[in-house]
């Protein structure tokens, strides 16, 4: 691989990681805003907030695995090489 190809791959990885974190911040912001709105305007009924959190949370998890793969799951106590143990 040439230096230019390595740079392009690295650039795409950084761009994907940045996109994931922007997605995560948007998720947290919108959920917080939705929680506050539903708390005050919908007589504390949080079912719509929970539905949005679960469905969008699944999308966040899929985005995480597309960007980072399973290489960082050992932080959660999950060994990515469990088949080898």
PDB file of N, CA and C in Angstrom:
ATOM      1  N   UNK A   1       0.834  -1.186   0.000  1.00  0.00           N
ATOM      2  CA  UNK A   1       0.000   0.000   0.000  1.00  0.00           C
ATOM      3  C   UNK A   1       0.876   1.246   0.000  1.00  0.00           C
ATOM      4  N   UNK A   2       0.510   2.186  -0.788  1.00  0.00           N
ATOM      5  CA  UNK A   2       1.267   3.427  -0.843  1.00  0.00           C
ATOM      6  C   UNK A   2       0.811   4.372   0.263  1.00  0.00           C
ATOM      7  N   UNK A   3       1.605   5.383   0.516  1.00  0.00           N
ATOM      8  CA  UNK A   3       1.278   6.348   1.567  1.00  0.00           C
ATOM      9  C   UNK A   3      -0.045   7.047   1.313  1.00  0.00           C
ATOM     10  N   UNK A   4      -0.323   7.338   0.048  1.00  0.00           N
ATOM     11  CA  UNK A   4      -1.576   8.015  -0.282  1.00  0.00           C
ATOM     12  C   UNK A   4      -2.781   7.119   0.019  1.00  0.00           C
ATOM     13  N   UNK A   5      -2.664   5.833  -0.269  1.00  0.00           N
ATOM     14  CA  UNK A   5      -3.746   4.889   0.030  1.00  0.00           C
ATOM     15  C   UNK A   5      -3.944   4.744   1.530  1.00  0.00           C
ATOM     16  N   UNK A   6      -2.861   4.694   2.273  1.00  0.00           N
ATOM     17  CA  UNK A   6      -2.948   4.594   3.731  1.00  0.00           C
ATOM     18  C   UNK A   6      -3.622   5.839   4.297  1.00  0.00           C
ATOM     19  N   UNK A   7      -3.268   6.992   3.753  1.00  0.00           N
ATOM     20  CA  UNK A   7      -3.891   8.241   4.198  1.00  0.00           C
ATOM     21  C   UNK A   7      -5.388   8.244   3.920  1.00  0.00           C
ATOM     22  N   UNK A   8      -5.797   7.767   2.748  1.00  0.00           N
ATOM     23  CA  UNK A   8      -7.221   7.740   2.405  1.00  0.00           C
ATOM     24  C   UNK A   8      -7.992   6.814   3.347  1.00  0.00           C
ATOM     25  N   UNK A   9      -7.433   5.654   3.648  1.00  0.00           N
ATOM     26  CA  UNK A   9      -8.093   4.712   4.556  1.00  0.00           C
ATOM     27  C   UNK A   9      -8.206   5.324   5.951  1.00  0.00           C
ATOM     28  N   UNK A  10      -7.125   5.935   6.414  1.00  0.00           N
ATOM     29  CA  UNK A  10      -7.142   6.563   7.740  1.00  0.00           C
ATOM     30  C   UNK A  10      -8.140   7.711   7.782  1.00  0.00           C
ATOM     31  N   UNK A  11      -8.194   8.491   6.721  1.00  0.00           N
ATOM     32  CA  UNK A  11      -9.132   9.615   6.639  1.00  0.00           C
ATOM     33  C   UNK A  11     -10.578   9.115   6.697  1.00  0.00           C
ATOM     34  N   UNK A  12     -10.870   8.041   5.989  1.00  0.00           N
ATOM     35  CA  UNK A  12     -12.227   7.480   6.004  1.00  0.00           C
ATOM     36  C   UNK A  12     -12.590   6.937   7.388  1.00  0.00           C
ATOM     37  N   UNK A  13     -11.632   6.323   8.072  1.00  0.00           N
ATOM     38  CA  UNK A  13     -11.898   5.813   9.425  1.00  0.00           C
ATOM     39  C   UNK A  13     -12.186   6.953  10.400  1.00  0.00           C
ATOM     40  N   UNK A  14     -11.404   8.008  10.328  1.00  0.00           N
ATOM     41  CA  UNK A  14     -11.626   9.162  11.205  1.00  0.00           C
ATOM     42  C   UNK A  14     -12.971   9.802  10.895  1.00  0.00           C
ATOM     43  N   UNK A  15     -13.311   9.895   9.624  1.00  0.00           N
ATOM     44  CA  UNK A  15     -14.592  10.465   9.221  1.00  0.00           C
ATOM     45  C   UNK A  15     -15.754   9.612   9.748  1.00  0.00           C
ATOM     46  N   UNK A  16     -15.618   8.295   9.694  1.00  0.00           N
ATOM     47  CA  UNK A  16     -16.671   7.394  10.185  1.00  0.00           C
ATOM     48  C   UNK A  16     -16.814   7.511  11.698  1.00  0.00           C
ATOM     49  N   UNK A  17     -15.690   7.596  12.420  1.00  0.00           N
ATOM     50  CA  UNK A  17     -15.750   7.737  13.877  1.00  0.00           C
ATOM     51  C   UNK A  17     -16.388   9.073  14.272  1.00  0.00           C
ATOM     52  N   UNK A  18     -16.028  10.118  13.563  1.00  0.00           N
ATOM     53  CA  UNK A  18     -16.613  11.433  13.833  1.00  0.00           C
ATOM     54  C   UNK A  18     -18.119  11.407  13.574  1.00  0.00           C
ATOM     55  N   UNK A  19     -18.528  10.754  12.506  1.00  0.00           N
ATOM     56  CA  UNK A  19     -19.942  10.635  12.191  1.00  0.00           C
ATOM     57  C   UNK A  19     -20.699   9.876  13.268  1.00  0.00           C
ATOM     58  N   UNK A  20     -20.075   8.832  13.825  1.00  0.00           N
ATOM     59  CA  UNK A  20     -20.729   8.088  14.895  1.00  0.00           C
ATOM     60  C   UNK A  20     -20.930   8.964  16.120  1.00  0.00           C
ATOM     61  N   UNK A  21     -19.914   9.712  16.514  1.00  0.00           N
ATOM     62  CA  UNK A  21     -20.037  10.530  17.716  1.00  0.00           C
ATOM     63  C   UNK A  21     -21.028  11.679  17.521  1.00  0.00           C
ATOM     64  N   UNK A  22     -21.122  12.217  16.317  1.00  0.00           N
ATOM     65  CA  UNK A  22     -22.138  13.228  16.038  1.00  0.00           C
ATOM     66  C   UNK A  22     -23.528  12.603  16.152  1.00  0.00           C
ATOM     67  N   UNK A  23     -23.680  11.395  15.647  1.00  0.00           N
ATOM     68  CA  UNK A  23     -24.940  10.663  15.747  1.00  0.00           C
ATOM     69  C   UNK A  23     -25.300  10.409  17.213  1.00  0.00           C
ATOM     70  N   UNK A  24     -24.319  10.041  18.017  1.00  0.00           N
ATOM     71  CA  UNK A  24     -24.550   9.764  19.437  1.00  0.00           C
ATOM     72  C   UNK A  24     -24.962  11.036  20.197  1.00  0.00           C
ATOM     73  N   UNK A  25     -24.302  12.143  19.923  1.00  0.00           N
ATOM     74  CA  UNK A  25     -24.642  13.406  20.588  1.00  0.00           C
ATOM     75  C   UNK A  25     -26.045  13.856  20.181  1.00  0.00           C
ATOM     76  N   UNK A  26     -26.387  13.706  18.900  1.00  0.00           N
ATOM     77  CA  UNK A  26     -27.732  14.068  18.450  1.00  0.00           C
ATOM     78  C   UNK A  26     -28.780  13.200  19.148  1.00  0.00           C
ATOM     79  N   UNK A  27     -28.496  11.921  19.295  1.00  0.00           N
ATOM     80  CA  UNK A  27     -29.394  10.993  19.986  1.00  0.00           C
ATOM     81  C   UNK A  27     -29.635  11.433  21.427  1.00  0.00           C
ATOM     82  N   UNK A  28     -28.556  11.734  22.131  1.00  0.00           N
ATOM     83  CA  UNK A  28     -28.684  12.141  23.532  1.00  0.00           C
ATOM     84  C   UNK A  28     -29.423  13.475  23.663  1.00  0.00           C
ATOM     85  N   UNK A  29     -29.115  14.415  22.788  1.00  0.00           N
ATOM     86  CA  UNK A  29     -29.775  15.718  22.835  1.00  0.00           C
ATOM     87  C   UNK A  29     -31.273  15.604  22.548  1.00  0.00           C
ATOM     88  N   UNK A  30     -31.616  14.883  21.495  1.00  0.00           N
ATOM     89  CA  UNK A  30     -33.027  14.754  21.123  1.00  0.00           C
ATOM     90  C   UNK A  30     -33.795  13.991  22.196  1.00  0.00           C
ATOM     91  N   UNK A  31     -33.202  12.940  22.745  1.00  0.00           N
ATOM     92  CA  UNK A  31     -33.894  12.201  23.804  1.00  0.00           C
ATOM     93  C   UNK A  31     -34.097  13.052  25.046  1.00  0.00           C
ATOM     94  N   UNK A  32     -33.112  13.835  25.408  1.00  0.00           N
ATOM     95  CA  UNK A  32     -33.261  14.733  26.550  1.00  0.00           C
ATOM     96  C   UNK A  32     -34.349  15.756  26.322  1.00  0.00           C
ATOM     97  N   UNK A  33     -34.364  16.339  25.147  1.00  0.00           N
ATOM     98  CA  UNK A  33     -35.388  17.314  24.798  1.00  0.00           C
ATOM     99  C   UNK A  33     -36.774  16.677  24.759  1.00  0.00           C
ATOM    100  N   UNK A  34     -36.863  15.502  24.178  1.00  0.00           N
ATOM    101  CA  UNK A  34     -38.139  14.798  24.114  1.00  0.00           C
ATOM    102  C   UNK A  34     -38.633  14.420  25.510  1.00  0.00           C
ATOM    103  N   UNK A  35     -37.715  14.013  26.371  1.00  0.00           N
ATOM    104  CA  UNK A  35     -38.091  13.670  27.745  1.00  0.00           C
ATOM    105  C   UNK A  35     -38.699  14.881  28.463  1.00  0.00           C
ATOM    106  N   UNK A  36     -38.039  16.022  28.353  1.00  0.00           N
ATOM    107  CA  UNK A  36     -38.526  17.239  29.009  1.00  0.00           C
ATOM    108  C   UNK A  36     -39.890  17.644  28.448  1.00  0.00           C
ATOM    109  N   UNK A  37     -40.030  17.611  27.128  1.00  0.00           N
ATOM    110  CA  UNK A  37     -41.302  17.978  26.513  1.00  0.00           C
ATOM    111  C   UNK A  37     -42.415  17.035  26.970  1.00  0.00           C
ATOM    112  N   UNK A  38     -42.147  15.752  26.945  1.00  0.00           N
ATOM    113  CA  UNK A  38     -43.178  14.782  27.338  1.00  0.00           C
ATOM    114  C   UNK A  38     -43.489  14.874  28.829  1.00  0.00           C
ATOM    115  N   UNK A  39     -42.523  15.226  29.627  1.00  0.00           N
ATOM    116  CA  UNK A  39     -42.747  15.335  31.064  1.00  0.00           C
ATOM    117  C   UNK A  39     -43.724  16.464  31.388  1.00  0.00           C
ATOM    118  N   UNK A  40     -43.522  17.596  30.732  1.00  0.00           N
ATOM    119  CA  UNK A  40     -44.349  18.757  31.047  1.00  0.00           C
ATOM    120  C   UNK A  40     -45.635  18.847  30.214  1.00  0.00           C
ATOM    121  N   UNK A  41     -45.638  18.356  29.004  1.00  0.00           N
ATOM    122  CA  UNK A  41     -46.784  18.530  28.118  1.00  0.00           C
ATOM    123  C   UNK A  41     -47.694  17.306  28.038  1.00  0.00           C
ATOM    124  N   UNK A  42     -47.192  16.148  28.394  1.00  0.00           N
ATOM    125  CA  UNK A  42     -47.970  14.922  28.206  1.00  0.00           C
ATOM    126  C   UNK A  42     -48.271  14.251  29.544  1.00  0.00           C
ATOM    127  N   UNK A  43     -48.323  15.031  30.591  1.00  0.00           N
ATOM    128  CA  UNK A  43     -48.661  14.532  31.928  1.00  0.00           C
ATOM    129  C   UNK A  43     -47.771  13.362  32.343  1.00  0.00           C
ATOM    130  N   UNK A  44     -46.495  13.498  32.094  1.00  0.00           N
ATOM    131  CA  UNK A  44     -45.454  12.557  32.508  1.00  0.00           C
ATOM    132  C   UNK A  44     -45.556  11.193  31.837  1.00  0.00           C
ATOM    133  N   UNK A  45     -46.300  11.064  30.757  1.00  0.00           N
ATOM    134  CA  UNK A  45     -46.369   9.807  30.018  1.00  0.00           C
ATOM    135  C   UNK A  45     -45.127   9.712  29.133  1.00  0.00           C
ATOM    136  N   UNK A  46     -44.258   8.755  29.425  1.00  0.00           N
ATOM    137  CA  UNK A  46     -42.979   8.658  28.736  1.00  0.00           C
ATOM    138  C   UNK A  46     -42.918   7.534  27.709  1.00  0.00           C
ATOM    139  N   UNK A  47     -44.029   6.887  27.412  1.00  0.00           N
ATOM    140  CA  UNK A  47     -44.010   5.777  26.454  1.00  0.00           C
ATOM    141  C   UNK A  47     -43.465   6.186  25.080  1.00  0.00           C
ATOM    142  N   UNK A  48     -43.865   7.321  24.504  1.00  0.00           N
ATOM    143  CA  UNK A  48     -43.269   7.708  23.214  1.00  0.00           C
ATOM    144  C   UNK A  48     -41.755   7.912  23.305  1.00  0.00           C
ATOM    145  N   UNK A  49     -41.288   8.446  24.423  1.00  0.00           N
ATOM    146  CA  UNK A  49     -39.852   8.639  24.606  1.00  0.00           C
ATOM    147  C   UNK A  49     -39.133   7.298  24.657  1.00  0.00           C
ATOM    148  N   UNK A  50     -39.714   6.339  25.339  1.00  0.00           N
ATOM    149  CA  UNK A  50     -39.108   5.007  25.447  1.00  0.00           C
ATOM    150  C   UNK A  50     -39.063   4.331  24.084  1.00  0.00           C
ATOM    151  N   UNK A  51     -40.127   4.466  23.300  1.00  0.00           N
ATOM    152  CA  UNK A  51     -40.158   3.862  21.969  1.00  0.00           C
ATOM    153  C   UNK A  51     -39.084   4.462  21.074  1.00  0.00           C
ATOM    154  N   UNK A  52     -38.945   5.781  21.118  1.00  0.00           N
ATOM    155  CA  UNK A  52     -37.903   6.446  20.325  1.00  0.00           C
ATOM    156  C   UNK A  52     -36.518   6.027  20.808  1.00  0.00           C
ATOM    157  N   UNK A  53     -36.316   5.959  22.124  1.00  0.00           N
ATOM    158  CA  UNK A  53     -35.017   5.595  22.678  1.00  0.00           C
ATOM    159  C   UNK A  53     -34.605   4.192  22.264  1.00  0.00           C
ATOM    160  N   UNK A  54     -35.542   3.243  22.308  1.00  0.00           N
ATOM    161  CA  UNK A  54     -35.209   1.867  21.935  1.00  0.00           C
ATOM    162  C   UNK A  54     -34.935   1.737  20.443  1.00  0.00           C
ATOM    163  N   UNK A  55     -35.802   2.298  19.621  1.00  0.00           N
ATOM    164  CA  UNK A  55     -35.618   2.151  18.178  1.00  0.00           C
ATOM    165  C   UNK A  55     -34.375   2.891  17.687  1.00  0.00           C
ATOM    166  N   UNK A  56     -34.170   4.100  18.159  1.00  0.00           N
ATOM    167  CA  UNK A  56     -32.988   4.855  17.748  1.00  0.00           C
ATOM    168  C   UNK A  56     -31.736   4.252  18.392  1.00  0.00           C
ATOM    169  N   UNK A  57     -31.870   3.691  19.585  1.00  0.00           N
ATOM    170  CA  UNK A  57     -30.746   3.023  20.240  1.00  0.00           C
ATOM    171  C   UNK A  57     -30.260   1.820  19.452  1.00  0.00           C
ATOM    172  N   UNK A  58     -31.180   1.095  18.833  1.00  0.00           N
ATOM    173  CA  UNK A  58     -30.781  -0.025  17.970  1.00  0.00           C
ATOM    174  C   UNK A  58     -29.980   0.506  16.779  1.00  0.00           C
ATOM    175  N   UNK A  59     -30.418   1.617  16.214  1.00  0.00           N
ATOM    176  CA  UNK A  59     -29.676   2.221  15.100  1.00  0.00           C
ATOM    177  C   UNK A  59     -28.292   2.690  15.547  1.00  0.00           C
ATOM    178  N   UNK A  60     -28.183   3.227  16.755  1.00  0.00           N
ATOM    179  CA  UNK A  60     -26.883   3.644  17.294  1.00  0.00           C
ATOM    180  C   UNK A  60     -25.970   2.427  17.453  1.00  0.00           C
ATOM    181  N   UNK A  61     -26.516   1.318  17.952  1.00  0.00           N
ATOM    182  CA  UNK A  61     -25.715   0.100  18.122  1.00  0.00           C
ATOM    183  C   UNK A  61     -25.219  -0.423  16.774  1.00  0.00           C
ATOM    184  N   UNK A  62     -26.080  -0.413  15.773  1.00  0.00           N
ATOM    185  CA  UNK A  62     -25.669  -0.854  14.434  1.00  0.00           C
ATOM    186  C   UNK A  62     -24.579   0.068  13.886  1.00  0.00           C
ATOM    187  N   UNK A  63     -24.741   1.358  14.076  1.00  0.00           N
ATOM    188  CA  UNK A  63     -23.733   2.321  13.620  1.00  0.00           C
ATOM    189  C   UNK A  63     -22.402   2.074  14.346  1.00  0.00           C
ATOM    190  N   UNK A  64     -22.463   1.801  15.650  1.00  0.00           N
ATOM    191  CA  UNK A  64     -21.249   1.513  16.421  1.00  0.00           C
ATOM    192  C   UNK A  64     -20.506   0.315  15.837  1.00  0.00           C
ATOM    193  N   UNK A  65     -21.229  -0.773  15.584  1.00  0.00           N
ATOM    194  CA  UNK A  65     -20.581  -1.986  15.075  1.00  0.00           C
ATOM    195  C   UNK A  65     -20.041  -1.790  13.665  1.00  0.00           C
ATOM    196  N   UNK A  66     -20.692  -0.945  12.860  1.00  0.00           N
ATOM    197  CA  UNK A  66     -20.166  -0.672  11.525  1.00  0.00           C
ATOM    198  C   UNK A  66     -18.874   0.137  11.589  1.00  0.00           C
ATOM    199  N   UNK A  67     -18.775   1.018  12.572  1.00  0.00           N
ATOM    200  CA  UNK A  67     -17.594   1.887  12.667  1.00  0.00           C
ATOM    201  C   UNK A  67     -16.457   1.209  13.437  1.00  0.00           C
ATOM    202  N   UNK A  68     -16.765   0.652  14.604  1.00  0.00           N
ATOM    203  CA  UNK A  68     -15.721   0.133  15.483  1.00  0.00           C
ATOM    204  C   UNK A  68     -15.587  -1.384  15.453  1.00  0.00           C
ATOM    205  N   UNK A  69     -16.583  -2.086  14.995  1.00  0.00           N
ATOM    206  CA  UNK A  69     -16.542  -3.541  15.018  1.00  0.00           C
ATOM    207  C   UNK A  69     -16.646  -4.052  16.440  1.00  0.00           C
ATOM    208  N   UNK A  70     -16.058  -5.193  16.692  1.00  0.00           N
ATOM    209  CA  UNK A  70     -16.127  -5.792  18.029  1.00  0.00           C
ATOM    210  C   UNK A  70     -14.822  -5.652  18.785  1.00  0.00           C
ATOM    211  N   UNK A  71     -13.921  -4.843  18.299  1.00  0.00           N
ATOM    212  CA  UNK A  71     -12.598  -4.749  18.917  1.00  0.00           C
ATOM    213  C   UNK A  71     -12.592  -4.103  20.297  1.00  0.00           C
ATOM    214  N   UNK A  72     -13.579  -3.291  20.621  1.00  0.00           N
ATOM    215  CA  UNK A  72     -13.583  -2.576  21.898  1.00  0.00           C
ATOM    216  C   UNK A  72     -14.582  -3.132  22.901  1.00  0.00           C
ATOM    217  N   UNK A  73     -15.129  -4.294  22.661  1.00  0.00           N
ATOM    218  CA  UNK A  73     -16.145  -4.841  23.550  1.00  0.00           C
ATOM    219  C   UNK A  73     -15.565  -5.412  24.839  1.00  0.00           C
ATOM    220  N   UNK A  74     -14.256  -5.586  24.932  1.00  0.00           N
ATOM    221  CA  UNK A  74     -13.668  -6.110  26.164  1.00  0.00           C
ATOM    222  C   UNK A  74     -13.842  -5.140  27.326  1.00  0.00           C
ATOM    223  N   UNK A  75     -14.098  -3.875  27.054  1.00  0.00           N
ATOM    224  CA  UNK A  75     -14.379  -2.896  28.108  1.00  0.00           C
ATOM    225  C   UNK A  75     -15.668  -3.271  28.841  1.00  0.00           C
ATOM    226  N   UNK A  76     -16.619  -3.828  28.112  1.00  0.00           N
ATOM    227  CA  UNK A  76     -17.894  -4.224  28.697  1.00  0.00           C
ATOM    228  C   UNK A  76     -17.849  -5.609  29.323  1.00  0.00           C
ATOM    229  N   UNK A  77     -16.710  -6.243  29.286  1.00  0.00           N
ATOM    230  CA  UNK A  77     -16.585  -7.581  29.845  1.00  0.00           C
ATOM    231  C   UNK A  77     -16.868  -8.667  28.831  1.00  0.00           C
ATOM    232  N   UNK A  78     -16.970  -8.300  27.565  1.00  0.00           N
ATOM    233  CA  UNK A  78     -17.213  -9.274  26.502  1.00  0.00           C
ATOM    234  C   UNK A  78     -15.909  -9.467  25.747  1.00  0.00           C
ATOM    235  N   UNK A  79     -15.422 -10.673  25.739  1.00  0.00           N
ATOM    236  CA  UNK A  79     -14.169 -10.970  25.041  1.00  0.00           C
ATOM    237  C   UNK A  79     -14.479 -11.258  23.581  1.00  0.00           C
ATOM    238  N   UNK A  80     -13.936 -10.448  22.638  1.00  0.00           N
ATOM    239  CA  UNK A  80     -14.227 -10.675  21.227  1.00  0.00           C
ATOM    240  C   UNK A  80     -13.625 -11.986  20.705  1.00  0.00           C
ATOM    241  N   UNK A  81     -12.668 -12.551  21.435  1.00  0.00           N
ATOM    242  CA  UNK A  81     -12.038 -13.805  21.030  1.00  0.00           C
ATOM    243  C   UNK A  81     -12.556 -14.966  21.885  1.00  0.00           C
ATOM    244  N   UNK A  82     -13.842 -14.968  22.171  1.00  0.00           N
ATOM    245  CA  UNK A  82     -14.405 -15.977  23.065  1.00  0.00           C
ATOM    246  C   UNK A  82     -14.322 -17.373  22.480  1.00  0.00           C
ATOM    247  N   UNK A  83     -14.291 -17.491  21.169  1.00  0.00           N
ATOM    248  CA  UNK A  83     -14.192 -18.821  20.553  1.00  0.00           C
ATOM    249  C   UNK A  83     -12.823 -19.436  20.771  1.00  0.00           C
ATOM    250  N   UNK A  84     -11.806 -18.631  20.944  1.00  0.00           N
ATOM    251  CA  UNK A  84     -10.459 -19.127  21.134  1.00  0.00           C
ATOM    252  C   UNK A  84     -10.177 -19.557  22.571  1.00  0.00           C
ATOM    253  N   UNK A  85     -10.988 -19.086  23.520  1.00  0.00           N
ATOM    254  CA  UNK A  85     -10.763 -19.402  24.937  1.00  0.00           C
ATOM    255  C   UNK A  85     -11.162 -20.816  25.285  1.00  0.00           C
TER     256      UNK A  85
END
